[in-house]
Amino acid sequence: MKEIGLFPLGMVLLPTEQVPLHIFEERYKELIGECLEQSREFGLVYADDDGVRPIGTRAVVTEVLEQFEDGRMNVVIEGRERFRLVELTSGRSFSTAEVEPVEDQDDPADPEDADRALELFRRLVELTGAEVEEPSSPSAQLSFDVAARFDFAPDLKQELLQETSERVRLKRLCELLAGAAKVVERQQEIAARAATNGKVQPRGD
């Protein structure tokens, strides 16, 4: 087991996911500063009114976008391996804990689900017009590679993060992507109707 610094946030970081962070609290300026100086990882864990979740993600700062004189920073972090909290520790200004790795079972995804996940990914990108790079396939953790490119609710992302079967995880992701595609299609249909008051507008001569 290894002790790492923790960064509890109201968000979930998936493996391979990249997100920007604004670091402004003194304790986290200290944590991120040490990670930068010593090329270390820290642990990002989802925390809300129900407390800290037991499974988190190791994170590394991949880019410092801006650094201010008072120590505040705008950085980009990337998710790495998952971990399980074993025991919270103390002694630092920021939270720390002893952790152990979380590894997947030997339960690979069905090829049909992998194809469907990529098809749904392309469909959502087409519907939204987003400029998002398609994940490479095949991948042992395609579910994370795809899910990391969408802004799912934290509880849904935590559900995926804690699942240790890639087969189960990818099936669940396909359900989420299919549901998201339906929502976007419905929103676009409503917007198109609203633009014409839901009626045909004949063109006069």
N, C-alpha and C. Protein backbone atom coordinates (compact mmCIF):
# COMPACT_ATOMS: atom_id res chain seq x y z
N MET A 1 0.84 -1.19 0.00
CA MET A 1 0.00 0.00 0.00
C MET A 1 0.88 1.24 0.00
N LYS A 2 0.36 2.30 -0.59
CA LYS A 2 1.13 3.52 -0.73
C LYS A 2 0.27 4.71 -0.31
N GLU A 3 0.89 5.68 0.35
CA GLU A 3 0.17 6.88 0.76
C GLU A 3 0.28 7.94 -0.33
N ILE A 4 -0.85 8.53 -0.66
CA ILE A 4 -0.85 9.62 -1.64
C ILE A 4 -1.71 10.76 -1.12
N GLY A 5 -1.46 11.94 -1.68
CA GLY A 5 -2.29 13.10 -1.37
C GLY A 5 -3.61 13.01 -2.11
N LEU A 6 -4.67 13.43 -1.46
CA LEU A 6 -6.01 13.35 -2.05
C LEU A 6 -6.54 14.74 -2.40
N PHE A 7 -7.30 14.78 -3.48
CA PHE A 7 -7.98 15.99 -3.91
C PHE A 7 -9.46 15.63 -4.06
N PRO A 8 -10.26 15.79 -2.99
CA PRO A 8 -11.69 15.49 -3.09
C PRO A 8 -12.41 16.60 -3.87
N LEU A 9 -13.20 16.22 -4.84
CA LEU A 9 -13.92 17.18 -5.67
C LEU A 9 -15.31 16.65 -5.99
N GLY A 10 -16.17 17.55 -6.43
CA GLY A 10 -17.51 17.15 -6.84
C GLY A 10 -17.54 16.68 -8.28
N MET A 11 -16.54 15.96 -8.68
CA MET A 11 -16.44 15.44 -10.05
C MET A 11 -15.72 14.10 -10.01
N VAL A 12 -15.85 13.36 -11.09
CA VAL A 12 -15.18 12.06 -11.23
C VAL A 12 -14.22 12.15 -12.40
N LEU A 13 -13.02 11.67 -12.20
CA LEU A 13 -12.01 11.63 -13.25
C LEU A 13 -11.82 10.19 -13.69
N LEU A 14 -12.06 9.92 -14.96
CA LEU A 14 -11.88 8.57 -15.49
C LEU A 14 -10.46 8.37 -16.00
N PRO A 15 -9.98 7.14 -16.02
CA PRO A 15 -8.68 6.87 -16.65
C PRO A 15 -8.67 7.38 -18.08
N THR A 16 -7.60 8.02 -18.48
CA THR A 16 -7.34 8.66 -19.78
C THR A 16 -8.05 10.00 -19.95
N GLU A 17 -8.94 10.38 -19.04
CA GLU A 17 -9.68 11.64 -19.18
C GLU A 17 -8.79 12.83 -18.83
N GLN A 18 -8.92 13.90 -19.59
CA GLN A 18 -8.18 15.12 -19.32
C GLN A 18 -9.17 16.24 -18.99
N VAL A 19 -8.92 16.96 -17.91
CA VAL A 19 -9.80 18.06 -17.51
C VAL A 19 -8.96 19.22 -16.98
N PRO A 20 -9.44 20.45 -17.16
CA PRO A 20 -8.75 21.61 -16.57
C PRO A 20 -9.17 21.80 -15.11
N LEU A 21 -8.27 22.28 -14.30
CA LEU A 21 -8.56 22.58 -12.90
C LEU A 21 -7.99 23.95 -12.55
N HIS A 22 -8.74 24.68 -11.73
CA HIS A 22 -8.23 25.93 -11.17
C HIS A 22 -7.86 25.66 -9.72
N ILE A 23 -6.61 25.79 -9.39
CA ILE A 23 -6.12 25.50 -8.04
C ILE A 23 -6.00 26.81 -7.28
N PHE A 24 -6.80 26.95 -6.21
CA PHE A 24 -6.78 28.22 -5.48
C PHE A 24 -6.69 28.06 -3.97
N GLU A 25 -7.15 26.93 -3.40
CA GLU A 25 -7.04 26.74 -1.96
C GLU A 25 -5.59 26.47 -1.57
N GLU A 26 -5.17 27.02 -0.43
CA GLU A 26 -3.77 26.91 0.00
C GLU A 26 -3.32 25.45 0.08
N ARG A 27 -4.15 24.59 0.65
CA ARG A 27 -3.73 23.19 0.83
C ARG A 27 -3.54 22.49 -0.51
N TYR A 28 -4.36 22.86 -1.51
CA TYR A 28 -4.22 22.21 -2.81
C TYR A 28 -3.15 22.86 -3.66
N LYS A 29 -2.86 24.13 -3.39
CA LYS A 29 -1.69 24.74 -4.03
C LYS A 29 -0.43 24.01 -3.54
N GLU A 30 -0.42 23.65 -2.27
CA GLU A 30 0.71 22.90 -1.72
C GLU A 30 0.79 21.50 -2.34
N LEU A 31 -0.35 20.82 -2.42
CA LEU A 31 -0.38 19.46 -2.99
C LEU A 31 0.08 19.45 -4.44
N ILE A 32 -0.52 20.30 -5.26
CA ILE A 32 -0.18 20.30 -6.69
C ILE A 32 1.24 20.80 -6.90
N GLY A 33 1.67 21.76 -6.08
CA GLY A 33 3.03 22.24 -6.18
C GLY A 33 4.04 21.13 -5.94
N GLU A 34 3.79 20.30 -4.92
CA GLU A 34 4.69 19.18 -4.64
C GLU A 34 4.66 18.15 -5.77
N CYS A 35 3.48 17.90 -6.30
CA CYS A 35 3.37 16.93 -7.39
C CYS A 35 4.15 17.40 -8.62
N LEU A 36 4.12 18.70 -8.87
CA LEU A 36 4.86 19.24 -10.00
C LEU A 36 6.37 19.15 -9.75
N GLU A 37 6.79 19.53 -8.56
CA GLU A 37 8.22 19.54 -8.24
C GLU A 37 8.82 18.14 -8.25
N GLN A 38 8.03 17.16 -7.79
CA GLN A 38 8.55 15.80 -7.62
C GLN A 38 8.02 14.82 -8.66
N SER A 39 7.31 15.34 -9.68
CA SER A 39 6.74 14.48 -10.73
C SER A 39 5.92 13.35 -10.12
N ARG A 40 5.04 13.71 -9.19
CA ARG A 40 4.24 12.72 -8.48
C ARG A 40 2.79 12.80 -8.91
N GLU A 41 2.09 11.72 -8.67
CA GLU A 41 0.64 11.68 -8.89
C GLU A 41 -0.08 12.05 -7.59
N PHE A 42 -1.34 12.43 -7.72
CA PHE A 42 -2.20 12.60 -6.56
C PHE A 42 -3.49 11.84 -6.83
N GLY A 43 -4.32 11.70 -5.82
CA GLY A 43 -5.56 10.95 -5.99
C GLY A 43 -6.77 11.85 -6.03
N LEU A 44 -7.53 11.77 -7.10
CA LEU A 44 -8.78 12.54 -7.18
C LEU A 44 -9.93 11.61 -6.81
N VAL A 45 -10.72 12.03 -5.83
CA VAL A 45 -11.85 11.23 -5.37
C VAL A 45 -13.12 12.09 -5.42
N TYR A 46 -14.21 11.44 -5.79
CA TYR A 46 -15.50 12.13 -5.85
C TYR A 46 -16.04 12.29 -4.43
N ALA A 47 -16.39 13.53 -4.08
CA ALA A 47 -16.93 13.82 -2.76
C ALA A 47 -18.12 14.76 -2.88
N ASP A 48 -19.18 14.45 -2.14
CA ASP A 48 -20.36 15.32 -2.08
C ASP A 48 -20.94 15.24 -0.68
N ASP A 49 -22.21 15.59 -0.53
CA ASP A 49 -22.83 15.59 0.80
C ASP A 49 -22.88 14.20 1.42
N ASP A 50 -22.78 13.17 0.59
CA ASP A 50 -22.79 11.80 1.09
C ASP A 50 -21.41 11.30 1.49
N GLY A 51 -20.40 12.14 1.32
CA GLY A 51 -19.05 11.76 1.71
C GLY A 51 -18.15 11.46 0.54
N VAL A 52 -17.00 10.86 0.85
CA VAL A 52 -15.98 10.53 -0.16
C VAL A 52 -16.21 9.10 -0.64
N ARG A 53 -16.16 8.90 -1.94
CA ARG A 53 -16.34 7.56 -2.50
C ARG A 53 -15.06 6.74 -2.31
N PRO A 54 -15.22 5.42 -2.20
CA PRO A 54 -14.06 4.57 -1.88
C PRO A 54 -13.12 4.32 -3.04
N ILE A 55 -13.57 4.56 -4.27
CA ILE A 55 -12.74 4.34 -5.45
C ILE A 55 -12.44 5.67 -6.12
N GLY A 56 -11.17 5.92 -6.38
CA GLY A 56 -10.77 7.16 -7.03
C GLY A 56 -9.81 6.88 -8.17
N THR A 57 -9.22 7.93 -8.70
CA THR A 57 -8.32 7.82 -9.84
C THR A 57 -7.03 8.58 -9.57
N ARG A 58 -5.93 7.94 -9.84
CA ARG A 58 -4.65 8.64 -9.78
C ARG A 58 -4.62 9.68 -10.90
N ALA A 59 -4.08 10.83 -10.61
CA ALA A 59 -4.05 11.91 -11.60
C ALA A 59 -2.66 12.52 -11.66
N VAL A 60 -2.31 13.02 -12.83
CA VAL A 60 -1.04 13.69 -13.02
C VAL A 60 -1.28 15.01 -13.75
N VAL A 61 -0.54 16.04 -13.39
CA VAL A 61 -0.63 17.32 -14.08
C VAL A 61 0.14 17.20 -15.39
N THR A 62 -0.56 17.37 -16.51
CA THR A 62 0.09 17.26 -17.82
C THR A 62 0.49 18.62 -18.38
N GLU A 63 -0.13 19.68 -17.86
CA GLU A 63 0.19 21.01 -18.39
C GLU A 63 -0.20 22.08 -17.37
N VAL A 64 0.67 23.05 -17.19
CA VAL A 64 0.37 24.23 -16.38
C VAL A 64 0.01 25.34 -17.36
N LEU A 65 -1.26 25.70 -17.38
CA LEU A 65 -1.73 26.71 -18.33
C LEU A 65 -1.37 28.12 -17.90
N GLU A 66 -1.47 28.34 -16.59
CA GLU A 66 -1.21 29.69 -16.07
C GLU A 66 -0.86 29.59 -14.59
N GLN A 67 0.10 30.36 -14.16
CA GLN A 67 0.48 30.38 -12.75
C GLN A 67 0.54 31.83 -12.27
N PHE A 68 -0.13 32.10 -11.16
CA PHE A 68 -0.24 33.46 -10.65
C PHE A 68 0.75 33.69 -9.50
N GLU A 69 1.01 34.95 -9.21
CA GLU A 69 1.99 35.30 -8.18
C GLU A 69 1.59 34.78 -6.81
N ASP A 70 0.28 34.67 -6.55
CA ASP A 70 -0.17 34.20 -5.24
C ASP A 70 -0.21 32.68 -5.15
N GLY A 71 0.28 31.99 -6.17
CA GLY A 71 0.33 30.53 -6.12
C GLY A 71 -0.82 29.82 -6.79
N ARG A 72 -1.85 30.58 -7.14
CA ARG A 72 -2.97 29.94 -7.85
C ARG A 72 -2.49 29.44 -9.21
N MET A 73 -3.14 28.38 -9.70
CA MET A 73 -2.73 27.78 -10.97
C MET A 73 -3.93 27.33 -11.77
N ASN A 74 -3.82 27.41 -13.08
CA ASN A 74 -4.73 26.74 -13.99
C ASN A 74 -3.95 25.61 -14.65
N VAL A 75 -4.39 24.40 -14.43
CA VAL A 75 -3.65 23.24 -14.91
C VAL A 75 -4.57 22.29 -15.67
N VAL A 76 -3.97 21.37 -16.40
CA VAL A 76 -4.70 20.27 -17.02
C VAL A 76 -4.21 18.99 -16.37
N ILE A 77 -5.15 18.15 -15.94
CA ILE A 77 -4.78 16.87 -15.32
C ILE A 77 -5.29 15.73 -16.18
N GLU A 78 -4.66 14.57 -16.02
CA GLU A 78 -5.07 13.38 -16.78
C GLU A 78 -5.24 12.22 -15.81
N GLY A 79 -6.30 11.45 -16.01
CA GLY A 79 -6.56 10.28 -15.17
C GLY A 79 -5.67 9.12 -15.54
N ARG A 80 -5.18 8.44 -14.53
CA ARG A 80 -4.34 7.25 -14.72
C ARG A 80 -5.05 6.03 -14.11
N GLU A 81 -4.36 5.26 -13.29
CA GLU A 81 -4.95 4.04 -12.74
C GLU A 81 -5.92 4.36 -11.61
N ARG A 82 -6.82 3.42 -11.38
CA ARG A 82 -7.77 3.55 -10.28
C ARG A 82 -7.17 3.05 -8.97
N PHE A 83 -7.72 3.52 -7.86
CA PHE A 83 -7.28 3.04 -6.55
C PHE A 83 -8.47 2.93 -5.61
N ARG A 84 -8.25 2.16 -4.56
CA ARG A 84 -9.25 2.02 -3.50
C ARG A 84 -8.69 2.61 -2.22
N LEU A 85 -9.47 3.42 -1.53
CA LEU A 85 -9.05 3.97 -0.25
C LEU A 85 -8.99 2.84 0.78
N VAL A 86 -7.87 2.71 1.45
CA VAL A 86 -7.71 1.69 2.48
C VAL A 86 -7.84 2.33 3.86
N GLU A 87 -7.13 3.45 4.04
CA GLU A 87 -7.18 4.14 5.33
C GLU A 87 -6.78 5.60 5.14
N LEU A 88 -7.60 6.49 5.66
CA LEU A 88 -7.25 7.91 5.63
C LEU A 88 -6.13 8.16 6.64
N THR A 89 -5.18 9.01 6.27
CA THR A 89 -4.06 9.33 7.15
C THR A 89 -4.07 10.83 7.44
N SER A 90 -3.16 11.28 8.27
CA SER A 90 -3.14 12.70 8.65
C SER A 90 -1.70 13.19 8.74
N GLY A 91 -1.58 14.47 9.01
CA GLY A 91 -0.25 15.05 9.16
C GLY A 91 0.09 16.11 8.14
N ARG A 92 -0.74 16.25 7.12
CA ARG A 92 -0.51 17.25 6.09
C ARG A 92 -1.68 18.23 6.06
N SER A 93 -1.48 19.36 5.38
CA SER A 93 -2.56 20.35 5.26
C SER A 93 -3.68 19.82 4.37
N PHE A 94 -3.33 18.94 3.43
CA PHE A 94 -4.32 18.32 2.55
C PHE A 94 -4.59 16.90 2.99
N SER A 95 -5.68 16.32 2.52
CA SER A 95 -6.04 14.96 2.88
C SER A 95 -5.05 13.97 2.27
N THR A 96 -4.78 12.90 3.00
CA THR A 96 -3.93 11.83 2.51
C THR A 96 -4.55 10.49 2.87
N ALA A 97 -4.11 9.46 2.19
CA ALA A 97 -4.65 8.13 2.47
C ALA A 97 -3.71 7.05 1.96
N GLU A 98 -3.78 5.89 2.60
CA GLU A 98 -3.13 4.71 2.06
C GLU A 98 -4.11 4.08 1.08
N VAL A 99 -3.60 3.71 -0.08
CA VAL A 99 -4.47 3.21 -1.13
C VAL A 99 -3.91 1.91 -1.71
N GLU A 100 -4.76 1.17 -2.40
CA GLU A 100 -4.34 -0.02 -3.13
C GLU A 100 -4.94 0.05 -4.52
N PRO A 101 -4.28 -0.57 -5.51
CA PRO A 101 -4.77 -0.49 -6.88
C PRO A 101 -6.07 -1.25 -7.09
N VAL A 102 -6.87 -0.78 -8.04
CA VAL A 102 -8.08 -1.48 -8.47
C VAL A 102 -7.83 -1.97 -9.89
N GLU A 103 -7.93 -3.27 -10.08
CA GLU A 103 -7.67 -3.85 -11.39
C GLU A 103 -8.92 -4.53 -11.93
N ASP A 104 -9.02 -4.56 -13.25
CA ASP A 104 -10.14 -5.23 -13.89
C ASP A 104 -10.05 -6.74 -13.77
N GLN A 105 -11.23 -7.38 -13.77
CA GLN A 105 -11.29 -8.82 -13.87
C GLN A 105 -10.90 -9.23 -15.30
N ASP A 106 -10.66 -10.51 -15.48
CA ASP A 106 -10.39 -11.04 -16.82
C ASP A 106 -11.73 -11.31 -17.49
N ASP A 107 -12.39 -10.23 -17.91
CA ASP A 107 -13.73 -10.32 -18.49
C ASP A 107 -13.84 -9.29 -19.62
N PRO A 108 -13.19 -9.57 -20.74
CA PRO A 108 -13.15 -8.59 -21.84
C PRO A 108 -14.52 -8.33 -22.44
N ALA A 109 -14.62 -7.21 -23.12
CA ALA A 109 -15.88 -6.78 -23.74
C ALA A 109 -16.22 -7.64 -24.94
N ASP A 110 -17.51 -7.73 -25.22
CA ASP A 110 -17.96 -8.38 -26.44
C ASP A 110 -17.60 -7.49 -27.62
N PRO A 111 -17.08 -8.06 -28.70
CA PRO A 111 -16.72 -7.24 -29.88
C PRO A 111 -17.90 -6.43 -30.41
N GLU A 112 -19.11 -7.01 -30.31
CA GLU A 112 -20.30 -6.29 -30.80
C GLU A 112 -20.53 -5.03 -29.99
N ASP A 113 -20.30 -5.11 -28.68
CA ASP A 113 -20.48 -3.93 -27.83
C ASP A 113 -19.42 -2.87 -28.13
N ALA A 114 -18.21 -3.33 -28.42
CA ALA A 114 -17.14 -2.38 -28.76
C ALA A 114 -17.49 -1.62 -30.04
N ASP A 115 -17.99 -2.36 -31.04
CA ASP A 115 -18.39 -1.71 -32.30
C ASP A 115 -19.54 -0.74 -32.06
N ARG A 116 -20.50 -1.17 -31.24
CA ARG A 116 -21.68 -0.31 -30.98
C ARG A 116 -21.27 0.95 -30.23
N ALA A 117 -20.35 0.83 -29.28
CA ALA A 117 -19.90 2.00 -28.52
C ALA A 117 -19.27 3.02 -29.45
N LEU A 118 -18.48 2.56 -30.39
CA LEU A 118 -17.84 3.48 -31.33
C LEU A 118 -18.86 4.08 -32.29
N GLU A 119 -19.85 3.29 -32.71
CA GLU A 119 -20.91 3.81 -33.57
C GLU A 119 -21.69 4.90 -32.85
N LEU A 120 -22.03 4.66 -31.59
CA LEU A 120 -22.77 5.65 -30.80
C LEU A 120 -21.91 6.89 -30.56
N PHE A 121 -20.63 6.69 -30.35
CA PHE A 121 -19.71 7.82 -30.20
C PHE A 121 -19.77 8.71 -31.44
N ARG A 122 -19.66 8.08 -32.62
CA ARG A 122 -19.68 8.85 -33.88
C ARG A 122 -21.03 9.54 -34.06
N ARG A 123 -22.10 8.86 -33.68
CA ARG A 123 -23.44 9.44 -33.82
C ARG A 123 -23.60 10.69 -32.95
N LEU A 124 -23.13 10.61 -31.72
CA LEU A 124 -23.25 11.76 -30.83
C LEU A 124 -22.36 12.92 -31.28
N VAL A 125 -21.19 12.61 -31.76
CA VAL A 125 -20.31 13.65 -32.29
C VAL A 125 -20.97 14.34 -33.48
N GLU A 126 -21.60 13.55 -34.34
CA GLU A 126 -22.30 14.11 -35.50
C GLU A 126 -23.48 14.97 -35.07
N LEU A 127 -24.24 14.49 -34.10
CA LEU A 127 -25.42 15.23 -33.64
C LEU A 127 -25.05 16.55 -32.99
N THR A 128 -23.98 16.54 -32.21
CA THR A 128 -23.62 17.73 -31.44
C THR A 128 -22.65 18.65 -32.17
N GLY A 129 -22.01 18.13 -33.23
CA GLY A 129 -21.03 18.92 -33.95
C GLY A 129 -19.76 19.15 -33.17
N ALA A 130 -19.53 18.31 -32.15
CA ALA A 130 -18.33 18.47 -31.33
C ALA A 130 -17.09 18.01 -32.09
N GLU A 131 -15.98 18.66 -31.79
CA GLU A 131 -14.71 18.26 -32.39
C GLU A 131 -13.95 17.43 -31.37
N VAL A 132 -14.20 16.14 -31.41
CA VAL A 132 -13.61 15.21 -30.44
C VAL A 132 -12.92 14.08 -31.20
N GLU A 133 -11.71 13.81 -30.81
CA GLU A 133 -10.96 12.75 -31.47
C GLU A 133 -11.51 11.39 -31.09
N GLU A 134 -11.67 10.53 -32.07
CA GLU A 134 -12.21 9.19 -31.81
C GLU A 134 -11.17 8.34 -31.09
N PRO A 135 -11.59 7.60 -30.06
CA PRO A 135 -10.64 6.74 -29.34
C PRO A 135 -10.16 5.61 -30.24
N SER A 136 -8.97 5.16 -29.98
CA SER A 136 -8.41 4.06 -30.77
C SER A 136 -9.03 2.74 -30.35
N SER A 137 -9.15 1.84 -31.27
CA SER A 137 -9.70 0.52 -31.00
C SER A 137 -8.87 -0.49 -31.77
N PRO A 138 -8.62 -1.68 -31.23
CA PRO A 138 -9.15 -2.18 -29.96
C PRO A 138 -8.40 -1.61 -28.75
N SER A 139 -9.06 -1.65 -27.61
CA SER A 139 -8.47 -1.18 -26.37
C SER A 139 -9.02 -2.03 -25.24
N ALA A 140 -8.15 -2.39 -24.29
CA ALA A 140 -8.58 -3.22 -23.17
C ALA A 140 -9.59 -2.49 -22.30
N GLN A 141 -9.56 -1.16 -22.32
CA GLN A 141 -10.50 -0.36 -21.54
C GLN A 141 -11.15 0.69 -22.44
N LEU A 142 -11.75 0.22 -23.53
CA LEU A 142 -12.41 1.12 -24.47
C LEU A 142 -13.51 1.92 -23.79
N SER A 143 -14.15 1.31 -22.80
CA SER A 143 -15.24 2.00 -22.09
C SER A 143 -14.75 3.31 -21.49
N PHE A 144 -13.59 3.30 -20.86
CA PHE A 144 -13.05 4.53 -20.28
C PHE A 144 -12.62 5.50 -21.37
N ASP A 145 -12.02 4.97 -22.44
CA ASP A 145 -11.56 5.83 -23.53
C ASP A 145 -12.72 6.60 -24.16
N VAL A 146 -13.87 5.95 -24.27
CA VAL A 146 -15.05 6.60 -24.86
C VAL A 146 -15.74 7.50 -23.84
N ALA A 147 -16.00 6.97 -22.65
CA ALA A 147 -16.72 7.73 -21.62
C ALA A 147 -15.98 9.00 -21.23
N ALA A 148 -14.64 8.98 -21.29
CA ALA A 148 -13.85 10.14 -20.91
C ALA A 148 -14.08 11.32 -21.84
N ARG A 149 -14.70 11.08 -22.99
CA ARG A 149 -14.92 12.14 -23.98
C ARG A 149 -16.31 12.75 -23.86
N PHE A 150 -17.08 12.31 -22.85
CA PHE A 150 -18.44 12.84 -22.67
C PHE A 150 -18.62 13.35 -21.24
N ASP A 151 -19.51 14.30 -21.09
CA ASP A 151 -19.73 14.94 -19.80
C ASP A 151 -20.92 14.29 -19.10
N PHE A 152 -20.73 13.06 -18.62
CA PHE A 152 -21.78 12.38 -17.89
C PHE A 152 -21.88 12.92 -16.46
N ALA A 153 -23.01 12.69 -15.82
CA ALA A 153 -23.19 13.09 -14.43
C ALA A 153 -22.20 12.33 -13.55
N PRO A 154 -21.73 12.94 -12.46
CA PRO A 154 -20.73 12.30 -11.61
C PRO A 154 -21.14 10.91 -11.11
N ASP A 155 -22.40 10.73 -10.72
CA ASP A 155 -22.82 9.42 -10.22
C ASP A 155 -22.68 8.34 -11.29
N LEU A 156 -22.98 8.69 -12.54
CA LEU A 156 -22.85 7.71 -13.63
C LEU A 156 -21.39 7.40 -13.89
N LYS A 157 -20.54 8.42 -13.85
CA LYS A 157 -19.12 8.19 -14.07
C LYS A 157 -18.52 7.36 -12.93
N GLN A 158 -19.00 7.61 -11.71
CA GLN A 158 -18.50 6.82 -10.57
C GLN A 158 -18.93 5.37 -10.71
N GLU A 159 -20.13 5.15 -11.22
CA GLU A 159 -20.60 3.79 -11.47
C GLU A 159 -19.66 3.06 -12.42
N LEU A 160 -19.27 3.74 -13.50
CA LEU A 160 -18.34 3.14 -14.46
C LEU A 160 -16.97 2.94 -13.83
N LEU A 161 -16.53 3.90 -13.05
CA LEU A 161 -15.20 3.84 -12.44
C LEU A 161 -15.08 2.63 -11.51
N GLN A 162 -16.14 2.32 -10.78
CA GLN A 162 -16.09 1.26 -9.79
C GLN A 162 -16.29 -0.12 -10.39
N GLU A 163 -16.82 -0.20 -11.61
CA GLU A 163 -17.06 -1.50 -12.24
C GLU A 163 -15.73 -2.11 -12.69
N THR A 164 -15.49 -3.36 -12.34
CA THR A 164 -14.21 -4.00 -12.67
C THR A 164 -14.33 -5.01 -13.81
N SER A 165 -15.48 -5.07 -14.46
CA SER A 165 -15.64 -5.91 -15.64
C SER A 165 -15.78 -5.01 -16.86
N GLU A 166 -14.84 -5.10 -17.80
CA GLU A 166 -14.94 -4.29 -19.01
C GLU A 166 -16.16 -4.68 -19.82
N ARG A 167 -16.53 -5.95 -19.77
CA ARG A 167 -17.73 -6.40 -20.50
C ARG A 167 -18.98 -5.71 -19.96
N VAL A 168 -19.15 -5.72 -18.65
CA VAL A 168 -20.31 -5.08 -18.02
C VAL A 168 -20.25 -3.57 -18.21
N ARG A 169 -19.06 -3.02 -18.05
CA ARG A 169 -18.89 -1.57 -18.14
C ARG A 169 -19.23 -1.05 -19.53
N LEU A 170 -18.79 -1.77 -20.56
CA LEU A 170 -19.05 -1.30 -21.93
C LEU A 170 -20.52 -1.44 -22.30
N LYS A 171 -21.17 -2.51 -21.81
CA LYS A 171 -22.61 -2.65 -22.05
C LYS A 171 -23.36 -1.48 -21.41
N ARG A 172 -22.98 -1.15 -20.19
CA ARG A 172 -23.63 -0.03 -19.49
C ARG A 172 -23.38 1.28 -20.23
N LEU A 173 -22.16 1.46 -20.72
CA LEU A 173 -21.84 2.67 -21.45
C LEU A 173 -22.68 2.79 -22.71
N CYS A 174 -22.88 1.68 -23.41
CA CYS A 174 -23.71 1.71 -24.62
C CYS A 174 -25.12 2.16 -24.28
N GLU A 175 -25.64 1.72 -23.14
CA GLU A 175 -26.97 2.17 -22.70
C GLU A 175 -26.98 3.67 -22.48
N LEU A 176 -25.95 4.18 -21.83
CA LEU A 176 -25.88 5.61 -21.54
C LEU A 176 -25.74 6.43 -22.82
N LEU A 177 -24.91 5.95 -23.75
CA LEU A 177 -24.72 6.68 -25.01
C LEU A 177 -25.98 6.67 -25.85
N ALA A 178 -26.67 5.52 -25.90
CA ALA A 178 -27.92 5.43 -26.66
C ALA A 178 -28.96 6.38 -26.08
N GLY A 179 -29.04 6.44 -24.75
CA GLY A 179 -29.97 7.35 -24.10
C GLY A 179 -29.63 8.80 -24.38
N ALA A 180 -28.34 9.12 -24.37
CA ALA A 180 -27.90 10.49 -24.64
C ALA A 180 -28.22 10.88 -26.08
N ALA A 181 -28.04 9.94 -27.02
CA ALA A 181 -28.34 10.22 -28.43
C ALA A 181 -29.82 10.51 -28.61
N LYS A 182 -30.68 9.76 -27.93
CA LYS A 182 -32.12 10.00 -28.03
C LYS A 182 -32.49 11.37 -27.49
N VAL A 183 -31.86 11.75 -26.39
CA VAL A 183 -32.15 13.06 -25.79
C VAL A 183 -31.74 14.18 -26.75
N VAL A 184 -30.56 14.07 -27.33
CA VAL A 184 -30.09 15.11 -28.26
C VAL A 184 -30.99 15.17 -29.49
N GLU A 185 -31.35 14.01 -30.03
CA GLU A 185 -32.24 13.98 -31.20
C GLU A 185 -33.58 14.63 -30.88
N ARG A 186 -34.11 14.34 -29.69
CA ARG A 186 -35.39 14.92 -29.28
C ARG A 186 -35.29 16.43 -29.12
N GLN A 187 -34.19 16.89 -28.51
CA GLN A 187 -33.99 18.33 -28.33
C GLN A 187 -33.90 19.04 -29.67
N GLN A 188 -33.22 18.44 -30.61
CA GLN A 188 -33.08 19.05 -31.93
C GLN A 188 -34.42 19.06 -32.67
N GLU A 189 -35.20 18.02 -32.47
CA GLU A 189 -36.53 17.97 -33.09
C GLU A 189 -37.42 19.06 -32.52
N ILE A 190 -37.38 19.24 -31.20
CA ILE A 190 -38.19 20.28 -30.56
C ILE A 190 -37.74 21.67 -31.02
N ALA A 191 -36.42 21.87 -31.12
CA ALA A 191 -35.91 23.15 -31.57
C ALA A 191 -36.33 23.45 -33.00
N ALA A 192 -36.32 22.42 -33.85
CA ALA A 192 -36.72 22.61 -35.24
C ALA A 192 -38.20 22.97 -35.33
N ARG A 193 -39.01 22.32 -34.51
CA ARG A 193 -40.45 22.63 -34.50
C ARG A 193 -40.70 24.04 -33.99
N ALA A 194 -39.97 24.41 -32.95
CA ALA A 194 -40.15 25.74 -32.37
C ALA A 194 -39.81 26.83 -33.37
N ALA A 195 -38.83 26.55 -34.22
CA ALA A 195 -38.41 27.54 -35.21
C ALA A 195 -39.50 27.83 -36.23
N THR A 196 -40.42 26.87 -36.42
CA THR A 196 -41.49 27.05 -37.39
C THR A 196 -42.87 27.03 -36.72
N ASN A 197 -42.88 27.16 -35.39
CA ASN A 197 -44.13 27.08 -34.62
C ASN A 197 -44.84 25.75 -34.85
N GLY A 198 -44.07 24.75 -35.26
CA GLY A 198 -44.66 23.44 -35.46
C GLY A 198 -45.54 23.34 -36.69
N LYS A 199 -45.49 24.34 -37.56
CA LYS A 199 -46.37 24.35 -38.74
C LYS A 199 -45.54 24.54 -40.01
N VAL A 200 -46.12 24.10 -41.10
CA VAL A 200 -45.48 24.30 -42.39
C VAL A 200 -45.62 25.76 -42.78
N GLN A 201 -44.57 26.35 -43.26
CA GLN A 201 -44.61 27.74 -43.69
C GLN A 201 -44.52 27.78 -45.24
N PRO A 202 -45.65 27.90 -45.91
CA PRO A 202 -45.64 27.95 -47.37
C PRO A 202 -44.95 29.20 -47.88
N ARG A 203 -44.24 29.08 -48.94
CA ARG A 203 -43.54 30.22 -49.51
C ARG A 203 -44.48 30.91 -50.53
N GLY A 204 -44.74 32.18 -50.30
CA GLY A 204 -45.60 32.92 -51.22
C GLY A 204 -44.82 33.45 -52.42
N ASP A 205 -45.51 33.67 -53.48
CA ASP A 205 -44.87 34.23 -54.69
C ASP A 205 -44.79 35.74 -54.58
